[in-house]
Amino acid sequence: MKKIPEFTSELEERAFWEKNDSSDYLDWNQAKLAVFPSLKPTTKAISLRLPESMLAQIKVEANKRDVPYQSLMKMWLSEHLPHPP
């Protein structure tokens, strides 16, 4: 196995792994499953009741823009909320 070099930044490390095969540096047969139970998702699912006609209009607008309707709704909400400094 090759020795993994020391990196001075995340950017340098990212560039290294983009050009190198990790199997040259790590024995993946020795890998163990990692579980991170304390990590929280960055999004939260909510339930929102909308009139069917409104949802249909949103879906039409989303199709025009070629984006999922939920993403369009998030974009619209983001545009109308104050942004933190």
PDB file of N, CA and C in Angstrom:
ATOM      1  N   MET A   1       0.834  -1.189   0.000  1.00  0.00           N
ATOM      2  CA  MET A   1       0.000   0.000   0.000  1.00  0.00           C
ATOM      3  C   MET A   1       0.875   1.248   0.000  1.00  0.00           C
ATOM      4  N   LYS A   2       0.443   2.226  -0.773  1.00  0.00           N
ATOM      5  CA  LYS A   2       1.136   3.510  -0.790  1.00  0.00           C
ATOM      6  C   LYS A   2       0.737   4.307   0.439  1.00  0.00           C
ATOM      7  N   LYS A   3       1.622   5.209   0.855  1.00  0.00           N
ATOM      8  CA  LYS A   3       1.344   6.058   2.015  1.00  0.00           C
ATOM      9  C   LYS A   3       0.533   7.276   1.552  1.00  0.00           C
ATOM     10  N   ILE A   4      -0.535   7.588   2.282  1.00  0.00           N
ATOM     11  CA  ILE A   4      -1.345   8.777   1.980  1.00  0.00           C
ATOM     12  C   ILE A   4      -0.546  10.002   2.381  1.00  0.00           C
ATOM     13  N   PRO A   5      -0.384  10.958   1.458  1.00  0.00           N
ATOM     14  CA  PRO A   5       0.408  12.154   1.800  1.00  0.00           C
ATOM     15  C   PRO A   5      -0.310  13.055   2.801  1.00  0.00           C
ATOM     16  N   GLU A   6       0.464  13.926   3.410  1.00  0.00           N
ATOM     17  CA  GLU A   6      -0.101  14.954   4.294  1.00  0.00           C
ATOM     18  C   GLU A   6      -0.610  16.087   3.408  1.00  0.00           C
ATOM     19  N   PHE A   7      -1.792  16.608   3.721  1.00  0.00           N
ATOM     20  CA  PHE A   7      -2.383  17.684   2.929  1.00  0.00           C
ATOM     21  C   PHE A   7      -2.419  18.962   3.743  1.00  0.00           C
ATOM     22  N   THR A   8      -2.230  20.089   3.059  1.00  0.00           N
ATOM     23  CA  THR A   8      -2.259  21.370   3.763  1.00  0.00           C
ATOM     24  C   THR A   8      -3.644  22.012   3.710  1.00  0.00           C
ATOM     25  N   SER A   9      -4.518  21.462   2.853  1.00  0.00           N
ATOM     26  CA  SER A   9      -5.867  22.026   2.770  1.00  0.00           C
ATOM     27  C   SER A   9      -6.822  20.971   2.214  1.00  0.00           C
ATOM     28  N   GLU A  10      -8.090  21.215   2.424  1.00  0.00           N
ATOM     29  CA  GLU A  10      -9.108  20.323   1.870  1.00  0.00           C
ATOM     30  C   GLU A  10      -9.080  20.361   0.340  1.00  0.00           C
ATOM     31  N   LEU A  11      -8.815  21.521  -0.207  1.00  0.00           N
ATOM     32  CA  LEU A  11      -8.731  21.660  -1.660  1.00  0.00           C
ATOM     33  C   LEU A  11      -7.604  20.786  -2.227  1.00  0.00           C
ATOM     34  N   GLU A  12      -6.456  20.806  -1.562  1.00  0.00           N
ATOM     35  CA  GLU A  12      -5.330  19.978  -1.994  1.00  0.00           C
ATOM     36  C   GLU A  12      -5.683  18.492  -1.898  1.00  0.00           C
ATOM     37  N   GLU A  13      -6.344  18.098  -0.827  1.00  0.00           N
ATOM     38  CA  GLU A  13      -6.735  16.697  -0.665  1.00  0.00           C
ATOM     39  C   GLU A  13      -7.756  16.285  -1.722  1.00  0.00           C
ATOM     40  N   ARG A  14      -8.715  17.144  -1.984  1.00  0.00           N
ATOM     41  CA  ARG A  14      -9.732  16.851  -3.001  1.00  0.00           C
ATOM     42  C   ARG A  14      -9.068  16.642  -4.369  1.00  0.00           C
ATOM     43  N   ALA A  15      -8.121  17.519  -4.706  1.00  0.00           N
ATOM     44  CA  ALA A  15      -7.418  17.399  -5.989  1.00  0.00           C
ATOM     45  C   ALA A  15      -6.644  16.086  -6.062  1.00  0.00           C
ATOM     46  N   PHE A  16      -6.046  15.692  -4.946  1.00  0.00           N
ATOM     47  CA  PHE A  16      -5.299  14.431  -4.913  1.00  0.00           C
ATOM     48  C   PHE A  16      -6.215  13.249  -5.190  1.00  0.00           C
ATOM     49  N   TRP A  17      -7.363  13.168  -4.494  1.00  0.00           N
ATOM     50  CA  TRP A  17      -8.254  12.021  -4.646  1.00  0.00           C
ATOM     51  C   TRP A  17      -8.973  12.015  -5.988  1.00  0.00           C
ATOM     52  N   GLU A  18      -9.073  13.159  -6.629  1.00  0.00           N
ATOM     53  CA  GLU A  18      -9.651  13.197  -7.974  1.00  0.00           C
ATOM     54  C   GLU A  18      -8.743  12.512  -8.989  1.00  0.00           C
ATOM     55  N   LYS A  19      -7.430  12.477  -8.685  1.00  0.00           N
ATOM     56  CA  LYS A  19      -6.458  11.922  -9.631  1.00  0.00           C
ATOM     57  C   LYS A  19      -5.926  10.558  -9.224  1.00  0.00           C
ATOM     58  N   ASN A  20      -6.218  10.099  -8.004  1.00  0.00           N
ATOM     59  CA  ASN A  20      -5.648   8.848  -7.502  1.00  0.00           C
ATOM     60  C   ASN A  20      -6.734   7.871  -7.084  1.00  0.00           C
ATOM     61  N   ASP A  21      -6.438   6.607  -7.238  1.00  0.00           N
ATOM     62  CA  ASP A  21      -7.359   5.533  -6.864  1.00  0.00           C
ATOM     63  C   ASP A  21      -7.136   5.189  -5.396  1.00  0.00           C
ATOM     64  N   SER A  22      -8.168   5.277  -4.604  1.00  0.00           N
ATOM     65  CA  SER A  22      -8.030   5.032  -3.170  1.00  0.00           C
ATOM     66  C   SER A  22      -7.596   3.602  -2.857  1.00  0.00           C
ATOM     67  N   SER A  23      -7.877   2.651  -3.750  1.00  0.00           N
ATOM     68  CA  SER A  23      -7.488   1.256  -3.483  1.00  0.00           C
ATOM     69  C   SER A  23      -5.966   1.079  -3.519  1.00  0.00           C
ATOM     70  N   ASP A  24      -5.234   2.059  -4.049  1.00  0.00           N
ATOM     71  CA  ASP A  24      -3.773   2.017  -3.984  1.00  0.00           C
ATOM     72  C   ASP A  24      -3.269   2.419  -2.596  1.00  0.00           C
ATOM     73  N   TYR A  25      -4.133   3.061  -1.808  1.00  0.00           N
ATOM     74  CA  TYR A  25      -3.731   3.609  -0.520  1.00  0.00           C
ATOM     75  C   TYR A  25      -4.442   2.954   0.667  1.00  0.00           C
ATOM     76  N   LEU A  26      -5.567   2.312   0.406  1.00  0.00           N
ATOM     77  CA  LEU A  26      -6.368   1.721   1.483  1.00  0.00           C
ATOM     78  C   LEU A  26      -6.746   0.293   1.129  1.00  0.00           C
ATOM     79  N   ASP A  27      -6.756  -0.569   2.128  1.00  0.00           N
ATOM     80  CA  ASP A  27      -7.222  -1.938   1.935  1.00  0.00           C
ATOM     81  C   ASP A  27      -8.714  -1.953   2.280  1.00  0.00           C
ATOM     82  N   TRP A  28      -9.532  -1.868   1.262  1.00  0.00           N
ATOM     83  CA  TRP A  28     -10.977  -1.773   1.476  1.00  0.00           C
ATOM     84  C   TRP A  28     -11.558  -3.056   2.061  1.00  0.00           C
ATOM     85  N   ASN A  29     -10.824  -4.174   2.014  1.00  0.00           N
ATOM     86  CA  ASN A  29     -11.287  -5.405   2.655  1.00  0.00           C
ATOM     87  C   ASN A  29     -11.270  -5.277   4.174  1.00  0.00           C
ATOM     88  N   GLN A  30     -10.505  -4.310   4.675  1.00  0.00           N
ATOM     89  CA  GLN A  30     -10.420  -4.076   6.121  1.00  0.00           C
ATOM     90  C   GLN A  30     -11.405  -2.993   6.585  1.00  0.00           C
ATOM     91  N   ALA A  31     -12.139  -2.414   5.649  1.00  0.00           N
ATOM     92  CA  ALA A  31     -13.058  -1.316   5.987  1.00  0.00           C
ATOM     93  C   ALA A  31     -14.198  -1.820   6.866  1.00  0.00           C
ATOM     94  N   LYS A  32     -14.643  -0.964   7.755  1.00  0.00           N
ATOM     95  CA  LYS A  32     -15.769  -1.268   8.638  1.00  0.00           C
ATOM     96  C   LYS A  32     -16.861  -0.234   8.405  1.00  0.00           C
ATOM     97  N   LEU A  33     -18.099  -0.655   8.583  1.00  0.00           N
ATOM     98  CA  LEU A  33     -19.231   0.241   8.428  1.00  0.00           C
ATOM     99  C   LEU A  33     -19.187   1.316   9.508  1.00  0.00           C
ATOM    100  N   ALA A  34     -19.335   2.561   9.097  1.00  0.00           N
ATOM    101  CA  ALA A  34     -19.374   3.680  10.040  1.00  0.00           C
ATOM    102  C   ALA A  34     -20.817   4.148  10.189  1.00  0.00           C
ATOM    103  N   VAL A  35     -21.229   4.373  11.409  1.00  0.00           N
ATOM    104  CA  VAL A  35     -22.577   4.867  11.690  1.00  0.00           C
ATOM    105  C   VAL A  35     -22.429   6.164  12.476  1.00  0.00           C
ATOM    106  N   PHE A  36     -23.152   7.184  12.055  1.00  0.00           N
ATOM    107  CA  PHE A  36     -23.091   8.490  12.706  1.00  0.00           C
ATOM    108  C   PHE A  36     -24.488   8.860  13.213  1.00  0.00           C
ATOM    109  N   PRO A  37     -24.898   8.319  14.349  1.00  0.00           N
ATOM    110  CA  PRO A  37     -26.267   8.531  14.818  1.00  0.00           C
ATOM    111  C   PRO A  37     -26.573   9.956  15.248  1.00  0.00           C
ATOM    112  N   SER A  38     -25.561  10.744  15.549  1.00  0.00           N
ATOM    113  CA  SER A  38     -25.809  12.110  16.027  1.00  0.00           C
ATOM    114  C   SER A  38     -25.961  13.127  14.903  1.00  0.00           C
ATOM    115  N   LEU A  39     -25.667  12.726  13.661  1.00  0.00           N
ATOM    116  CA  LEU A  39     -25.813  13.665  12.547  1.00  0.00           C
ATOM    117  C   LEU A  39     -27.283  13.926  12.279  1.00  0.00           C
ATOM    118  N   LYS A  40     -27.600  15.163  12.059  1.00  0.00           N
ATOM    119  CA  LYS A  40     -28.982  15.530  11.772  1.00  0.00           C
ATOM    120  C   LYS A  40     -29.082  15.965  10.309  1.00  0.00           C
ATOM    121  N   PRO A  41     -30.171  15.603   9.651  1.00  0.00           N
ATOM    122  CA  PRO A  41     -30.310  16.052   8.259  1.00  0.00           C
ATOM    123  C   PRO A  41     -30.400  17.575   8.192  1.00  0.00           C
ATOM    124  N   THR A  42     -29.950  18.126   7.084  1.00  0.00           N
ATOM    125  CA  THR A  42     -29.979  19.576   6.949  1.00  0.00           C
ATOM    126  C   THR A  42     -31.356  20.080   6.536  1.00  0.00           C
ATOM    127  N   THR A  43     -32.234  19.163   6.159  1.00  0.00           N
ATOM    128  CA  THR A  43     -33.598  19.548   5.818  1.00  0.00           C
ATOM    129  C   THR A  43     -34.558  18.799   6.727  1.00  0.00           C
ATOM    130  N   LYS A  44     -35.756  19.308   6.814  1.00  0.00           N
ATOM    131  CA  LYS A  44     -36.783  18.672   7.631  1.00  0.00           C
ATOM    132  C   LYS A  44     -38.041  18.540   6.800  1.00  0.00           C
ATOM    133  N   ALA A  45     -38.607  17.362   6.794  1.00  0.00           N
ATOM    134  CA  ALA A  45     -39.845  17.133   6.065  1.00  0.00           C
ATOM    135  C   ALA A  45     -41.004  17.757   6.835  1.00  0.00           C
ATOM    136  N   ILE A  46     -41.883  18.420   6.103  1.00  0.00           N
ATOM    137  CA  ILE A  46     -43.075  18.995   6.718  1.00  0.00           C
ATOM    138  C   ILE A  46     -44.295  18.545   5.915  1.00  0.00           C
ATOM    139  N   SER A  47     -45.426  18.685   6.533  1.00  0.00           N
ATOM    140  CA  SER A  47     -46.683  18.409   5.836  1.00  0.00           C
ATOM    141  C   SER A  47     -47.366  19.750   5.609  1.00  0.00           C
ATOM    142  N   LEU A  48     -47.749  19.995   4.371  1.00  0.00           N
ATOM    143  CA  LEU A  48     -48.372  21.271   4.025  1.00  0.00           C
ATOM    144  C   LEU A  48     -49.614  20.983   3.204  1.00  0.00           C
ATOM    145  N   ARG A  49     -50.755  21.416   3.689  1.00  0.00           N
ATOM    146  CA  ARG A  49     -52.001  21.188   2.961  1.00  0.00           C
ATOM    147  C   ARG A  49     -52.262  22.360   2.027  1.00  0.00           C
ATOM    148  N   LEU A  50     -52.415  22.041   0.750  1.00  0.00           N
ATOM    149  CA  LEU A  50     -52.704  23.049  -0.263  1.00  0.00           C
ATOM    150  C   LEU A  50     -53.942  22.631  -1.036  1.00  0.00           C
ATOM    151  N   PRO A  51     -54.707  23.592  -1.517  1.00  0.00           N
ATOM    152  CA  PRO A  51     -55.812  23.230  -2.406  1.00  0.00           C
ATOM    153  C   PRO A  51     -55.237  22.513  -3.637  1.00  0.00           C
ATOM    154  N   GLU A  52     -55.938  21.507  -4.113  1.00  0.00           N
ATOM    155  CA  GLU A  52     -55.455  20.730  -5.261  1.00  0.00           C
ATOM    156  C   GLU A  52     -55.193  21.610  -6.471  1.00  0.00           C
ATOM    157  N   SER A  53     -56.040  22.614  -6.672  1.00  0.00           N
ATOM    158  CA  SER A  53     -55.849  23.496  -7.828  1.00  0.00           C
ATOM    159  C   SER A  53     -54.549  24.295  -7.705  1.00  0.00           C
ATOM    160  N   MET A  54     -54.204  24.716  -6.488  1.00  0.00           N
ATOM    161  CA  MET A  54     -52.969  25.462  -6.272  1.00  0.00           C
ATOM    162  C   MET A  54     -51.762  24.555  -6.543  1.00  0.00           C
ATOM    163  N   LEU A  55     -51.805  23.331  -6.032  1.00  0.00           N
ATOM    164  CA  LEU A  55     -50.722  22.393  -6.258  1.00  0.00           C
ATOM    165  C   LEU A  55     -50.566  22.095  -7.753  1.00  0.00           C
ATOM    166  N   ALA A  56     -51.675  21.983  -8.446  1.00  0.00           N
ATOM    167  CA  ALA A  56     -51.626  21.738  -9.892  1.00  0.00           C
ATOM    168  C   ALA A  56     -50.945  22.902 -10.599  1.00  0.00           C
ATOM    169  N   GLN A  57     -51.268  24.137 -10.195  1.00  0.00           N
ATOM    170  CA  GLN A  57     -50.628  25.316 -10.803  1.00  0.00           C
ATOM    171  C   GLN A  57     -49.123  25.333 -10.518  1.00  0.00           C
ATOM    172  N   ILE A  58     -48.752  24.985  -9.302  1.00  0.00           N
ATOM    173  CA  ILE A  58     -47.331  24.944  -8.939  1.00  0.00           C
ATOM    174  C   ILE A  58     -46.607  23.910  -9.798  1.00  0.00           C
ATOM    175  N   LYS A  59     -47.227  22.770 -10.003  1.00  0.00           N
ATOM    176  CA  LYS A  59     -46.610  21.721 -10.814  1.00  0.00           C
ATOM    177  C   LYS A  59     -46.462  22.156 -12.269  1.00  0.00           C
ATOM    178  N   VAL A  60     -47.425  22.899 -12.775  1.00  0.00           N
ATOM    179  CA  VAL A  60     -47.329  23.421 -14.141  1.00  0.00           C
ATOM    180  C   VAL A  60     -46.138  24.375 -14.243  1.00  0.00           C
ATOM    181  N   GLU A  61     -46.018  25.281 -13.272  1.00  0.00           N
ATOM    182  CA  GLU A  61     -44.905  26.235 -13.270  1.00  0.00           C
ATOM    183  C   GLU A  61     -43.569  25.508 -13.148  1.00  0.00           C
ATOM    184  N   ALA A  62     -43.523  24.475 -12.329  1.00  0.00           N
ATOM    185  CA  ALA A  62     -42.292  23.701 -12.167  1.00  0.00           C
ATOM    186  C   ALA A  62     -41.922  23.005 -13.472  1.00  0.00           C
ATOM    187  N   ASN A  63     -42.913  22.457 -14.158  1.00  0.00           N
ATOM    188  CA  ASN A  63     -42.646  21.794 -15.440  1.00  0.00           C
ATOM    189  C   ASN A  63     -42.111  22.783 -16.466  1.00  0.00           C
ATOM    190  N   LYS A  64     -42.637  23.998 -16.463  1.00  0.00           N
ATOM    191  CA  LYS A  64     -42.147  25.029 -17.386  1.00  0.00           C
ATOM    192  C   LYS A  64     -40.658  25.309 -17.157  1.00  0.00           C
ATOM    193  N   ARG A  65     -40.246  25.227 -15.889  1.00  0.00           N
ATOM    194  CA  ARG A  65     -38.858  25.523 -15.524  1.00  0.00           C
ATOM    195  C   ARG A  65     -37.994  24.263 -15.479  1.00  0.00           C
ATOM    196  N   ASP A  66     -38.598  23.128 -15.699  1.00  0.00           N
ATOM    197  CA  ASP A  66     -37.907  21.837 -15.673  1.00  0.00           C
ATOM    198  C   ASP A  66     -37.223  21.580 -14.329  1.00  0.00           C
ATOM    199  N   VAL A  67     -37.976  21.850 -13.252  1.00  0.00           N
ATOM    200  CA  VAL A  67     -37.494  21.563 -11.898  1.00  0.00           C
ATOM    201  C   VAL A  67     -38.597  20.822 -11.147  1.00  0.00           C
ATOM    202  N   PRO A  68     -38.240  20.042 -10.144  1.00  0.00           N
ATOM    203  CA  PRO A  68     -39.271  19.411  -9.321  1.00  0.00           C
ATOM    204  C   PRO A  68     -40.105  20.472  -8.607  1.00  0.00           C
ATOM    205  N   TYR A  69     -41.390  20.189  -8.444  1.00  0.00           N
ATOM    206  CA  TYR A  69     -42.267  21.212  -7.863  1.00  0.00           C
ATOM    207  C   TYR A  69     -41.860  21.576  -6.442  1.00  0.00           C
ATOM    208  N   GLN A  70     -41.352  20.614  -5.673  1.00  0.00           N
ATOM    209  CA  GLN A  70     -40.936  20.931  -4.306  1.00  0.00           C
ATOM    210  C   GLN A  70     -39.723  21.863  -4.314  1.00  0.00           C
ATOM    211  N   SER A  71     -38.819  21.670  -5.267  1.00  0.00           N
ATOM    212  CA  SER A  71     -37.663  22.563  -5.383  1.00  0.00           C
ATOM    213  C   SER A  71     -38.114  23.967  -5.757  1.00  0.00           C
ATOM    214  N   LEU A  72     -39.078  24.066  -6.645  1.00  0.00           N
ATOM    215  CA  LEU A  72     -39.602  25.378  -7.025  1.00  0.00           C
ATOM    216  C   LEU A  72     -40.222  26.076  -5.821  1.00  0.00           C
ATOM    217  N   MET A  73     -40.966  25.345  -5.036  1.00  0.00           N
ATOM    218  CA  MET A  73     -41.577  25.940  -3.840  1.00  0.00           C
ATOM    219  C   MET A  73     -40.495  26.441  -2.890  1.00  0.00           C
ATOM    220  N   LYS A  74     -39.410  25.676  -2.715  1.00  0.00           N
ATOM    221  CA  LYS A  74     -38.313  26.117  -1.849  1.00  0.00           C
ATOM    222  C   LYS A  74     -37.646  27.369  -2.410  1.00  0.00           C
ATOM    223  N   MET A  75     -37.485  27.431  -3.738  1.00  0.00           N
ATOM    224  CA  MET A  75     -36.899  28.624  -4.355  1.00  0.00           C
ATOM    225  C   MET A  75     -37.781  29.837  -4.082  1.00  0.00           C
ATOM    226  N   TRP A  76     -39.073  29.681  -4.289  1.00  0.00           N
ATOM    227  CA  TRP A  76     -39.991  30.798  -4.056  1.00  0.00           C
ATOM    228  C   TRP A  76     -39.959  31.254  -2.604  1.00  0.00           C
ATOM    229  N   LEU A  77     -39.963  30.313  -1.679  1.00  0.00           N
ATOM    230  CA  LEU A  77     -39.909  30.677  -0.258  1.00  0.00           C
ATOM    231  C   LEU A  77     -38.606  31.407   0.056  1.00  0.00           C
ATOM    232  N   SER A  78     -37.508  30.892  -0.458  1.00  0.00           N
ATOM    233  CA  SER A  78     -36.208  31.508  -0.208  1.00  0.00           C
ATOM    234  C   SER A  78     -36.153  32.932  -0.731  1.00  0.00           C
ATOM    235  N   GLU A  79     -36.756  33.187  -1.890  1.00  0.00           N
ATOM    236  CA  GLU A  79     -36.748  34.519  -2.478  1.00  0.00           C
ATOM    237  C   GLU A  79     -37.515  35.531  -1.631  1.00  0.00           C
ATOM    238  N   HIS A  80     -38.454  35.059  -0.807  1.00  0.00           N
ATOM    239  CA  HIS A  80     -39.298  35.969  -0.052  1.00  0.00           C
ATOM    240  C   HIS A  80     -38.972  36.011   1.441  1.00  0.00           C
ATOM    241  N   LEU A  81     -37.915  35.333   1.841  1.00  0.00           N
ATOM    242  CA  LEU A  81     -37.502  35.376   3.238  1.00  0.00           C
ATOM    243  C   LEU A  81     -36.257  36.234   3.382  1.00  0.00           C
ATOM    244  N   PRO A  82     -36.129  36.930   4.510  1.00  0.00           N
ATOM    245  CA  PRO A  82     -34.886  37.685   4.706  1.00  0.00           C
ATOM    246  C   PRO A  82     -33.718  36.717   4.858  1.00  0.00           C
ATOM    247  N   HIS A  83     -32.598  37.092   4.276  1.00  0.00           N
ATOM    248  CA  HIS A  83     -31.394  36.242   4.362  1.00  0.00           C
ATOM    249  C   HIS A  83     -30.519  36.724   5.494  1.00  0.00           C
ATOM    250  N   PRO A  84     -29.979  35.794   6.276  1.00  0.00           N
ATOM    251  CA  PRO A  84     -29.086  36.215   7.378  1.00  0.00           C
ATOM    252  C   PRO A  84     -27.820  36.843   6.827  1.00  0.00           C
ATOM    253  N   PRO A  85     -27.224  37.752   7.577  1.00  0.00           N
ATOM    254  CA  PRO A  85     -26.001  38.431   7.113  1.00  0.00           C
ATOM    255  C   PRO A  85     -24.829  37.494   6.967  1.00  0.00           C
TER     256      PRO A  85
END
